[in-house]
Amino acid sequence: MKLNLRNPICFFDLETTGVNITHDRIIEIAVIKVMPNGEVHRKTNLLNPGIPIPPESSVFHGIYDEDVKDKPTFKEVAKEYAKFIEGADLSGFSILKMDVPMLVEEFLRAGVDFDYQRKKIIDAQKIFHLMEKRTLAAAYRFYMNKELQESHTAEADAEASMEVLLAQVEKYDGQDVTDISGKKIGEIKNDMEVLSKLTAADMVDLAGRMIKNEKGEEIFNFGKHKSKKVTAVLKEEPAYYDWMMNGDFPQDTKRKLTEIKLRGFKK
């Protein structure tokens, strides 16, 4: 089947130094342009972001400072990409939250006009989530091949959760679990410690305001200090602790933050 196109459509993806739209930068851009007549054109570049690539980001996408030190900056190729994308709609997977905002921000920093409001944007992830529901009822249907009765009653949902986990262990037992780059991060086993490490290993507080990085260090997962070590922030900006303790954060988050702070004093 061919896509029914009135305009060209550009499928694109970005690799970046991080996920902060304001502070992070693009280090790789790939665009596949499909024309209404079926012709396909491709344009890809590694880019020098002008800032260090955090180690945790490099582990994720495999691109290191050494790989991009002699590459052009986005500003140097911005006009080329604006022209390549001109008149085309945009598509990709999970592009609305990250890729489109990051691309627009980079064009603005480069002083290149890029009017995304005139383009149709199609996010394949949205369609995926619309059609393949990520609910307990959907999981129950997938693993148990039957409909969940009395959904949203506590007992029925708890029973279904138990059946789903049992089915998952039976279906995947012994299979490797990989991240999106293909790197093995674990294995499914009928062992609750193993399963817990797979599903909640990076958790620090239940609200997810703090998580663990690849090295097992606690880092902030929100705000201006996102991805920074909690201990480093508390040392460099002691008032941040007071701001969080007086702020609208869950008690569990405040408790964990205090534990990290006190641990620093003991050292």
C-alpha atoms as a PDB file:
ATOM      1  CA  MET A   1       0.000   0.000   0.000  1.00  0.00           C
ATOM      2  CA  LYS A   2       1.213   3.522  -0.809  1.00  0.00           C
ATOM      3  CA  LEU A   3       0.521   6.599   1.267  1.00  0.00           C
ATOM      4  CA  ASN A   4      -2.073   8.880  -0.313  1.00  0.00           C
ATOM      5  CA  LEU A   5      -0.062  12.097  -0.466  1.00  0.00           C
ATOM      6  CA  ARG A   6      -1.046  15.553  -1.660  1.00  0.00           C
ATOM      7  CA  ASN A   7       2.214  17.028  -0.374  1.00  0.00           C
ATOM      8  CA  PRO A   8       5.629  15.459   0.205  1.00  0.00           C
ATOM      9  CA  ILE A   9       6.014  14.039   3.693  1.00  0.00           C
ATOM     10  CA  CYS A  10       9.238  14.012   5.713  1.00  0.00           C
ATOM     11  CA  PHE A  11       9.777  11.221   8.207  1.00  0.00           C
ATOM     12  CA  PHE A  12      12.437  12.374  10.623  1.00  0.00           C
ATOM     13  CA  ASP A  13      14.211  11.479  13.823  1.00  0.00           C
ATOM     14  CA  LEU A  14      16.686  13.273  16.064  1.00  0.00           C
ATOM     15  CA  GLU A  15      19.378  12.180  18.470  1.00  0.00           C
ATOM     16  CA  THR A  16      20.196  14.836  21.050  1.00  0.00           C
ATOM     17  CA  THR A  17      22.426  15.652  23.988  1.00  0.00           C
ATOM     18  CA  GLY A  18      19.384  15.334  26.273  1.00  0.00           C
ATOM     19  CA  VAL A  19      15.690  16.065  26.544  1.00  0.00           C
ATOM     20  CA  ASN A  20      15.699  19.688  27.684  1.00  0.00           C
ATOM     21  CA  ILE A  21      14.380  21.642  24.695  1.00  0.00           C
ATOM     22  CA  THR A  22      15.960  24.889  25.877  1.00  0.00           C
ATOM     23  CA  HIS A  23      19.434  23.709  26.790  1.00  0.00           C
ATOM     24  CA  ASP A  24      20.090  20.530  24.798  1.00  0.00           C
ATOM     25  CA  ARG A  25      21.126  20.290  21.159  1.00  0.00           C
ATOM     26  CA  ILE A  26      20.727  18.001  18.144  1.00  0.00           C
ATOM     27  CA  ILE A  27      23.669  15.697  17.413  1.00  0.00           C
ATOM     28  CA  GLU A  28      22.114  13.656  14.607  1.00  0.00           C
ATOM     29  CA  ILE A  29      19.264  14.352  12.214  1.00  0.00           C
ATOM     30  CA  ALA A  30      17.818  11.976   9.633  1.00  0.00           C
ATOM     31  CA  VAL A  31      15.060  12.922   7.206  1.00  0.00           C
ATOM     32  CA  ILE A  32      13.391  10.639   4.661  1.00  0.00           C
ATOM     33  CA  LYS A  33      11.311  12.626   2.191  1.00  0.00           C
ATOM     34  CA  VAL A  34       8.585  10.744   0.326  1.00  0.00           C
ATOM     35  CA  MET A  35       7.167  12.487  -2.747  1.00  0.00           C
ATOM     36  CA  PRO A  36       3.564  12.107  -3.972  1.00  0.00           C
ATOM     37  CA  ASN A  37       4.875  10.187  -7.001  1.00  0.00           C
ATOM     38  CA  GLY A  38       6.622   7.675  -4.725  1.00  0.00           C
ATOM     39  CA  GLU A  39      10.180   8.998  -5.066  1.00  0.00           C
ATOM     40  CA  VAL A  40      12.225   8.858  -1.860  1.00  0.00           C
ATOM     41  CA  HIS A  41      15.017  11.275  -0.902  1.00  0.00           C
ATOM     42  CA  ARG A  42      17.198  10.993   2.193  1.00  0.00           C
ATOM     43  CA  LYS A  43      19.283  13.492   4.139  1.00  0.00           C
ATOM     44  CA  THR A  44      21.286  12.640   7.277  1.00  0.00           C
ATOM     45  CA  ASN A  45      23.933  14.453   9.291  1.00  0.00           C
ATOM     46  CA  LEU A  46      25.928  14.005  12.465  1.00  0.00           C
ATOM     47  CA  LEU A  47      26.232  17.417  14.108  1.00  0.00           C
ATOM     48  CA  ASN A  48      28.545  19.098  16.553  1.00  0.00           C
ATOM     49  CA  PRO A  49      26.252  20.351  19.336  1.00  0.00           C
ATOM     50  CA  GLY A  50      28.789  22.824  20.692  1.00  0.00           C
ATOM     51  CA  ILE A  51      28.348  21.384  24.182  1.00  0.00           C
ATOM     52  CA  PRO A  52      29.580  18.124  25.776  1.00  0.00           C
ATOM     53  CA  ILE A  53      27.408  15.074  25.241  1.00  0.00           C
ATOM     54  CA  PRO A  54      26.470  13.640  28.668  1.00  0.00           C
ATOM     55  CA  PRO A  55      27.761  10.068  29.163  1.00  0.00           C
ATOM     56  CA  GLU A  56      24.254   8.767  29.894  1.00  0.00           C
ATOM     57  CA  SER A  57      23.059  10.142  26.553  1.00  0.00           C
ATOM     58  CA  SER A  58      26.015   8.593  24.706  1.00  0.00           C
ATOM     59  CA  VAL A  59      25.220   5.222  26.254  1.00  0.00           C
ATOM     60  CA  PHE A  60      21.668   5.581  24.963  1.00  0.00           C
ATOM     61  CA  HIS A  61      22.402   6.476  21.305  1.00  0.00           C
ATOM     62  CA  GLY A  62      26.063   5.497  20.897  1.00  0.00           C
ATOM     63  CA  ILE A  63      27.287   8.930  19.789  1.00  0.00           C
ATOM     64  CA  TYR A  64      30.247  10.424  21.658  1.00  0.00           C
ATOM     65  CA  ASP A  65      32.040  13.775  21.624  1.00  0.00           C
ATOM     66  CA  GLU A  66      34.821  12.268  19.519  1.00  0.00           C
ATOM     67  CA  ASP A  67      32.308  11.271  16.834  1.00  0.00           C
ATOM     68  CA  VAL A  68      31.056  14.818  16.281  1.00  0.00           C
ATOM     69  CA  LYS A  69      34.062  17.040  17.012  1.00  0.00           C
ATOM     70  CA  ASP A  70      34.723  17.679  13.285  1.00  0.00           C
ATOM     71  CA  LYS A  71      31.081  17.716  12.186  1.00  0.00           C
ATOM     72  CA  PRO A  72      29.103  20.853  11.217  1.00  0.00           C
ATOM     73  CA  THR A  73      26.867  22.606  13.718  1.00  0.00           C
ATOM     74  CA  PHE A  74      23.126  22.698  13.185  1.00  0.00           C
ATOM     75  CA  LYS A  75      23.386  26.380  12.308  1.00  0.00           C
ATOM     76  CA  GLU A  76      25.684  25.483   9.419  1.00  0.00           C
ATOM     77  CA  VAL A  77      23.180  23.040   7.888  1.00  0.00           C
ATOM     78  CA  ALA A  78      19.936  24.688   9.035  1.00  0.00           C
ATOM     79  CA  LYS A  79      19.152  26.354   5.703  1.00  0.00           C
ATOM     80  CA  GLU A  80      19.764  23.090   3.824  1.00  0.00           C
ATOM     81  CA  TYR A  81      17.295  21.225   6.033  1.00  0.00           C
ATOM     82  CA  ALA A  82      14.739  24.027   5.949  1.00  0.00           C
ATOM     83  CA  LYS A  83      14.836  23.893   2.149  1.00  0.00           C
ATOM     84  CA  PHE A  84      14.705  20.075   2.139  1.00  0.00           C
ATOM     85  CA  ILE A  85      11.628  20.067   4.381  1.00  0.00           C
ATOM     86  CA  GLU A  86       9.979  23.071   2.707  1.00  0.00           C
ATOM     87  CA  GLY A  87       6.476  22.318   1.430  1.00  0.00           C
ATOM     88  CA  ALA A  88       6.396  18.934   3.133  1.00  0.00           C
ATOM     89  CA  ASP A  89       4.377  17.589   6.019  1.00  0.00           C
ATOM     90  CA  LEU A  90       6.115  15.951   8.992  1.00  0.00           C
ATOM     91  CA  SER A  91       5.898  12.492  10.495  1.00  0.00           C
ATOM     92  CA  GLY A  92       7.779  10.222  12.851  1.00  0.00           C
ATOM     93  CA  PHE A  93       7.355   8.180  16.015  1.00  0.00           C
ATOM     94  CA  SER A  94       6.876  10.138  19.249  1.00  0.00           C
ATOM     95  CA  ILE A  95       7.808  13.433  17.586  1.00  0.00           C
ATOM     96  CA  LEU A  96       5.225  15.731  19.167  1.00  0.00           C
ATOM     97  CA  LYS A  97       6.725  15.851  22.653  1.00  0.00           C
ATOM     98  CA  MET A  98      10.394  15.998  21.725  1.00  0.00           C
ATOM     99  CA  ASP A  99      11.538  15.974  18.101  1.00  0.00           C
ATOM    100  CA  VAL A 100       9.316  18.705  16.662  1.00  0.00           C
ATOM    101  CA  PRO A 101       9.875  21.160  19.557  1.00  0.00           C
ATOM    102  CA  MET A 102      13.641  20.493  19.481  1.00  0.00           C
ATOM    103  CA  LEU A 103      13.830  20.977  15.709  1.00  0.00           C
ATOM    104  CA  VAL A 104      11.854  24.218  15.859  1.00  0.00           C
ATOM    105  CA  GLU A 105      14.034  25.496  18.707  1.00  0.00           C
ATOM    106  CA  GLU A 106      17.212  24.756  16.750  1.00  0.00           C
ATOM    107  CA  PHE A 107      15.869  26.574  13.668  1.00  0.00           C
ATOM    108  CA  LEU A 108      15.018  29.594  15.829  1.00  0.00           C
ATOM    109  CA  ARG A 109      18.496  29.597  17.372  1.00  0.00           C
ATOM    110  CA  ALA A 110      19.977  29.467  13.876  1.00  0.00           C
ATOM    111  CA  GLY A 111      17.836  32.390  12.731  1.00  0.00           C
ATOM    112  CA  VAL A 112      16.122  30.304  10.038  1.00  0.00           C
ATOM    113  CA  ASP A 113      12.399  30.704   9.432  1.00  0.00           C
ATOM    114  CA  PHE A 114      10.535  27.422   9.891  1.00  0.00           C
ATOM    115  CA  ASP A 115       6.750  27.671  10.003  1.00  0.00           C
ATOM    116  CA  TYR A 116       5.586  24.323  11.344  1.00  0.00           C
ATOM    117  CA  GLN A 117       2.008  25.613  11.751  1.00  0.00           C
ATOM    118  CA  ARG A 118       1.503  25.342   8.001  1.00  0.00           C
ATOM    119  CA  LYS A 119       2.449  21.676   8.031  1.00  0.00           C
ATOM    120  CA  LYS A 120       0.415  18.621   8.879  1.00  0.00           C
ATOM    121  CA  ILE A 121       2.121  16.644  11.628  1.00  0.00           C
ATOM    122  CA  ILE A 122       1.441  12.912  11.936  1.00  0.00           C
ATOM    123  CA  ASP A 123       2.815  11.105  14.986  1.00  0.00           C
ATOM    124  CA  ALA A 124       2.785   7.329  14.476  1.00  0.00           C
ATOM    125  CA  GLN A 125       3.052   6.778  18.228  1.00  0.00           C
ATOM    126  CA  LYS A 126      -0.275   8.540  18.746  1.00  0.00           C
ATOM    127  CA  ILE A 127      -1.926   6.184  16.255  1.00  0.00           C
ATOM    128  CA  PHE A 128      -0.236   3.231  17.970  1.00  0.00           C
ATOM    129  CA  HIS A 129      -1.610   4.274  21.359  1.00  0.00           C
ATOM    130  CA  LEU A 130      -5.047   5.038  19.931  1.00  0.00           C
ATOM    131  CA  MET A 131      -5.353   1.642  18.281  1.00  0.00           C
ATOM    132  CA  GLU A 132      -3.378  -0.561  20.710  1.00  0.00           C
ATOM    133  CA  LYS A 133      -4.627   0.498  24.116  1.00  0.00           C
ATOM    134  CA  ARG A 134      -2.203   0.404  27.029  1.00  0.00           C
ATOM    135  CA  THR A 135      -4.769  -0.532  29.638  1.00  0.00           C
ATOM    136  CA  LEU A 136      -5.164  -3.522  31.920  1.00  0.00           C
ATOM    137  CA  ALA A 137      -8.160  -4.641  29.860  1.00  0.00           C
ATOM    138  CA  ALA A 138      -6.056  -4.536  26.686  1.00  0.00           C
ATOM    139  CA  ALA A 139      -3.206  -6.443  28.345  1.00  0.00           C
ATOM    140  CA  TYR A 140      -5.683  -9.001  29.661  1.00  0.00           C
ATOM    141  CA  ARG A 141      -7.118  -9.457  26.168  1.00  0.00           C
ATOM    142  CA  PHE A 142      -3.616  -9.820  24.675  1.00  0.00           C
ATOM    143  CA  TYR A 143      -2.215 -12.303  27.179  1.00  0.00           C
ATOM    144  CA  MET A 144      -5.340 -14.188  28.245  1.00  0.00           C
ATOM    145  CA  ASN A 145      -7.275 -14.025  24.958  1.00  0.00           C
ATOM    146  CA  LYS A 146     -10.497 -13.126  26.739  1.00  0.00           C
ATOM    147  CA  GLU A 147     -12.345 -10.036  27.892  1.00  0.00           C
ATOM    148  CA  LEU A 148     -11.903  -8.607  31.369  1.00  0.00           C
ATOM    149  CA  GLN A 149     -15.234  -8.701  33.160  1.00  0.00           C
ATOM    150  CA  GLU A 150     -16.158  -6.105  35.817  1.00  0.00           C
ATOM    151  CA  SER A 151     -13.217  -3.928  34.835  1.00  0.00           C
ATOM    152  CA  HIS A 152     -12.441  -1.078  37.266  1.00  0.00           C
ATOM    153  CA  THR A 153     -13.627  -2.966  40.300  1.00  0.00           C
ATOM    154  CA  ALA A 154     -10.648  -3.362  42.606  1.00  0.00           C
ATOM    155  CA  GLU A 155     -10.925  -7.120  43.045  1.00  0.00           C
ATOM    156  CA  ALA A 156     -11.408  -7.848  39.334  1.00  0.00           C
ATOM    157  CA  ASP A 157      -8.474  -5.627  38.377  1.00  0.00           C
ATOM    158  CA  ALA A 158      -6.219  -7.166  41.023  1.00  0.00           C
ATOM    159  CA  GLU A 159      -7.177 -10.658  39.835  1.00  0.00           C
ATOM    160  CA  ALA A 160      -6.520  -9.682  36.222  1.00  0.00           C
ATOM    161  CA  SER A 161      -3.132  -8.178  37.131  1.00  0.00           C
ATOM    162  CA  MET A 162      -2.136 -11.462  38.748  1.00  0.00           C
ATOM    163  CA  GLU A 163      -3.203 -13.467  35.703  1.00  0.00           C
ATOM    164  CA  VAL A 164      -1.384 -11.094  33.346  1.00  0.00           C
ATOM    165  CA  LEU A 165       1.902 -11.346  35.272  1.00  0.00           C
ATOM    166  CA  LEU A 166       1.648 -15.136  35.364  1.00  0.00           C
ATOM    167  CA  ALA A 167       1.043 -15.173  31.608  1.00  0.00           C
ATOM    168  CA  GLN A 168       3.944 -12.785  30.971  1.00  0.00           C
ATOM    169  CA  VAL A 169       6.367 -14.931  32.949  1.00  0.00           C
ATOM    170  CA  GLU A 170       5.194 -18.049  31.104  1.00  0.00           C
ATOM    171  CA  LYS A 171       5.384 -16.352  27.695  1.00  0.00           C
ATOM    172  CA  TYR A 172       8.755 -14.601  28.085  1.00  0.00           C
ATOM    173  CA  ASP A 173      10.632 -16.782  30.607  1.00  0.00           C
ATOM    174  CA  GLY A 174      14.308 -16.919  29.669  1.00  0.00           C
ATOM    175  CA  GLN A 175      14.073 -14.203  27.000  1.00  0.00           C
ATOM    176  CA  ASP A 176      16.496 -11.280  26.942  1.00  0.00           C
ATOM    177  CA  VAL A 177      15.204  -7.750  27.479  1.00  0.00           C
ATOM    178  CA  THR A 178      16.904  -5.061  25.393  1.00  0.00           C
ATOM    179  CA  ASP A 179      16.730  -1.282  25.243  1.00  0.00           C
ATOM    180  CA  ILE A 180      15.867   0.551  22.023  1.00  0.00           C
ATOM    181  CA  SER A 181      19.500   0.363  20.861  1.00  0.00           C
ATOM    182  CA  GLY A 182      19.509  -3.433  21.184  1.00  0.00           C
ATOM    183  CA  LYS A 183      21.689  -3.524  24.290  1.00  0.00           C
ATOM    184  CA  LYS A 184      20.750  -6.269  26.753  1.00  0.00           C
ATOM    185  CA  ILE A 185      19.473  -4.798  30.004  1.00  0.00           C
ATOM    186  CA  GLY A 186      18.173  -7.949  31.630  1.00  0.00           C
ATOM    187  CA  GLU A 187      16.261 -11.170  31.269  1.00  0.00           C
ATOM    188  CA  ILE A 188      12.730 -12.270  32.083  1.00  0.00           C
ATOM    189  CA  LYS A 189      12.786 -14.862  34.862  1.00  0.00           C
ATOM    190  CA  ASN A 190      10.255 -16.274  37.259  1.00  0.00           C
ATOM    191  CA  ASP A 191      12.034 -14.394  40.029  1.00  0.00           C
ATOM    192  CA  MET A 192      10.479 -11.367  41.693  1.00  0.00           C
ATOM    193  CA  GLU A 193      13.828  -9.703  42.426  1.00  0.00           C
ATOM    194  CA  VAL A 194      14.778  -9.933  38.754  1.00  0.00           C
ATOM    195  CA  LEU A 195      11.398  -8.604  37.610  1.00  0.00           C
ATOM    196  CA  SER A 196      11.527  -5.758  40.119  1.00  0.00           C
ATOM    197  CA  LYS A 197      14.932  -4.656  38.865  1.00  0.00           C
ATOM    198  CA  LEU A 198      13.577  -4.585  35.319  1.00  0.00           C
ATOM    199  CA  THR A 199      10.486  -2.554  36.107  1.00  0.00           C
ATOM    200  CA  ALA A 200      11.535  -0.252  38.950  1.00  0.00           C
ATOM    201  CA  ALA A 201      15.330  -0.267  39.106  1.00  0.00           C
ATOM    202  CA  ASP A 202      15.757   3.457  38.451  1.00  0.00           C
ATOM    203  CA  MET A 203      13.132   4.591  40.954  1.00  0.00           C
ATOM    204  CA  VAL A 204      14.176   6.807  43.865  1.00  0.00           C
ATOM    205  CA  ASP A 205      10.882   8.356  44.952  1.00  0.00           C
ATOM    206  CA  LEU A 206       7.460   7.108  43.969  1.00  0.00           C
ATOM    207  CA  ALA A 207       6.521  10.329  42.168  1.00  0.00           C
ATOM    208  CA  GLY A 208       9.524   9.995  39.874  1.00  0.00           C
ATOM    209  CA  ARG A 209      10.973  13.388  40.751  1.00  0.00           C
ATOM    210  CA  MET A 210      14.295  11.637  41.291  1.00  0.00           C
ATOM    211  CA  ILE A 211      15.623   8.585  39.460  1.00  0.00           C
ATOM    212  CA  LYS A 212      18.927   6.720  39.151  1.00  0.00           C
ATOM    213  CA  ASN A 213      21.207   7.185  36.158  1.00  0.00           C
ATOM    214  CA  GLU A 214      23.263   4.485  34.431  1.00  0.00           C
ATOM    215  CA  LYS A 215      25.816   4.625  37.255  1.00  0.00           C
ATOM    216  CA  GLY A 216      23.177   4.185  39.948  1.00  0.00           C
ATOM    217  CA  GLU A 217      23.480   7.813  41.089  1.00  0.00           C
ATOM    218  CA  GLU A 218      20.381   9.744  42.149  1.00  0.00           C
ATOM    219  CA  ILE A 219      19.548  12.515  39.670  1.00  0.00           C
ATOM    220  CA  PHE A 220      16.701  14.987  39.405  1.00  0.00           C
ATOM    221  CA  ASN A 221      14.072  14.074  36.819  1.00  0.00           C
ATOM    222  CA  PHE A 222      12.353  17.448  36.443  1.00  0.00           C
ATOM    223  CA  GLY A 223      12.884  21.179  36.312  1.00  0.00           C
ATOM    224  CA  LYS A 224      16.003  23.262  35.837  1.00  0.00           C
ATOM    225  CA  HIS A 225      18.257  20.618  37.401  1.00  0.00           C
ATOM    226  CA  LYS A 226      16.926  17.696  35.359  1.00  0.00           C
ATOM    227  CA  SER A 227      19.593  14.986  34.869  1.00  0.00           C
ATOM    228  CA  LYS A 228      21.912  16.596  37.451  1.00  0.00           C
ATOM    229  CA  LYS A 229      23.127  14.614  40.477  1.00  0.00           C
ATOM    230  CA  VAL A 230      20.988  15.361  43.519  1.00  0.00           C
ATOM    231  CA  THR A 231      24.022  15.520  45.813  1.00  0.00           C
ATOM    232  CA  ALA A 232      25.765  18.012  43.530  1.00  0.00           C
ATOM    233  CA  VAL A 233      22.723  20.293  43.353  1.00  0.00           C
ATOM    234  CA  LEU A 234      22.227  20.235  47.130  1.00  0.00           C
ATOM    235  CA  LYS A 235      25.881  21.146  47.592  1.00  0.00           C
ATOM    236  CA  GLU A 236      25.983  23.908  44.965  1.00  0.00           C
ATOM    237  CA  GLU A 237      22.521  25.336  45.649  1.00  0.00           C
ATOM    238  CA  PRO A 238      21.477  24.550  49.257  1.00  0.00           C
ATOM    239  CA  ALA A 239      18.346  26.706  48.916  1.00  0.00           C
ATOM    240  CA  TYR A 240      16.950  24.200  46.396  1.00  0.00           C
ATOM    241  CA  TYR A 241      16.404  21.740  49.229  1.00  0.00           C
ATOM    242  CA  ASP A 242      14.359  24.314  51.174  1.00  0.00           C
ATOM    243  CA  TRP A 243      12.373  25.167  48.051  1.00  0.00           C
ATOM    244  CA  MET A 244      11.418  21.532  47.548  1.00  0.00           C
ATOM    245  CA  MET A 245      10.656  20.912  51.222  1.00  0.00           C
ATOM    246  CA  ASN A 246       8.311  23.921  51.271  1.00  0.00           C
ATOM    247  CA  GLY A 247       6.861  23.142  47.857  1.00  0.00           C
ATOM    248  CA  ASP A 248       3.929  21.065  46.664  1.00  0.00           C
ATOM    249  CA  PHE A 249       5.791  17.763  46.512  1.00  0.00           C
ATOM    250  CA  PRO A 250       4.696  14.390  47.954  1.00  0.00           C
ATOM    251  CA  GLN A 251       5.911  13.525  51.433  1.00  0.00           C
ATOM    252  CA  ASP A 252       7.715  10.499  50.021  1.00  0.00           C
ATOM    253  CA  THR A 253       9.736  12.767  47.697  1.00  0.00           C
ATOM    254  CA  LYS A 254      10.662  15.045  50.589  1.00  0.00           C
ATOM    255  CA  ARG A 255      11.617  12.060  52.728  1.00  0.00           C
ATOM    256  CA  LYS A 256      13.896  10.627  50.051  1.00  0.00           C
ATOM    257  CA  LEU A 257      15.455  14.036  49.397  1.00  0.00           C
ATOM    258  CA  THR A 258      16.198  14.421  53.118  1.00  0.00           C
ATOM    259  CA  GLU A 259      17.750  10.943  53.246  1.00  0.00           C
ATOM    260  CA  ILE A 260      20.094  11.858  50.389  1.00  0.00           C
ATOM    261  CA  LYS A 261      21.010  15.148  52.066  1.00  0.00           C
ATOM    262  CA  LEU A 262      21.727  13.501  55.436  1.00  0.00           C
ATOM    263  CA  ARG A 263      23.770  10.811  53.748  1.00  0.00           C
ATOM    264  CA  GLY A 264      25.923  13.573  52.267  1.00  0.00           C
ATOM    265  CA  PHE A 265      26.536  15.022  55.731  1.00  0.00           C
ATOM    266  CA  LYS A 266      27.649  11.634  57.049  1.00  0.00           C
ATOM    267  CA  LYS A 267      30.275  11.454  54.316  1.00  0.00           C
END
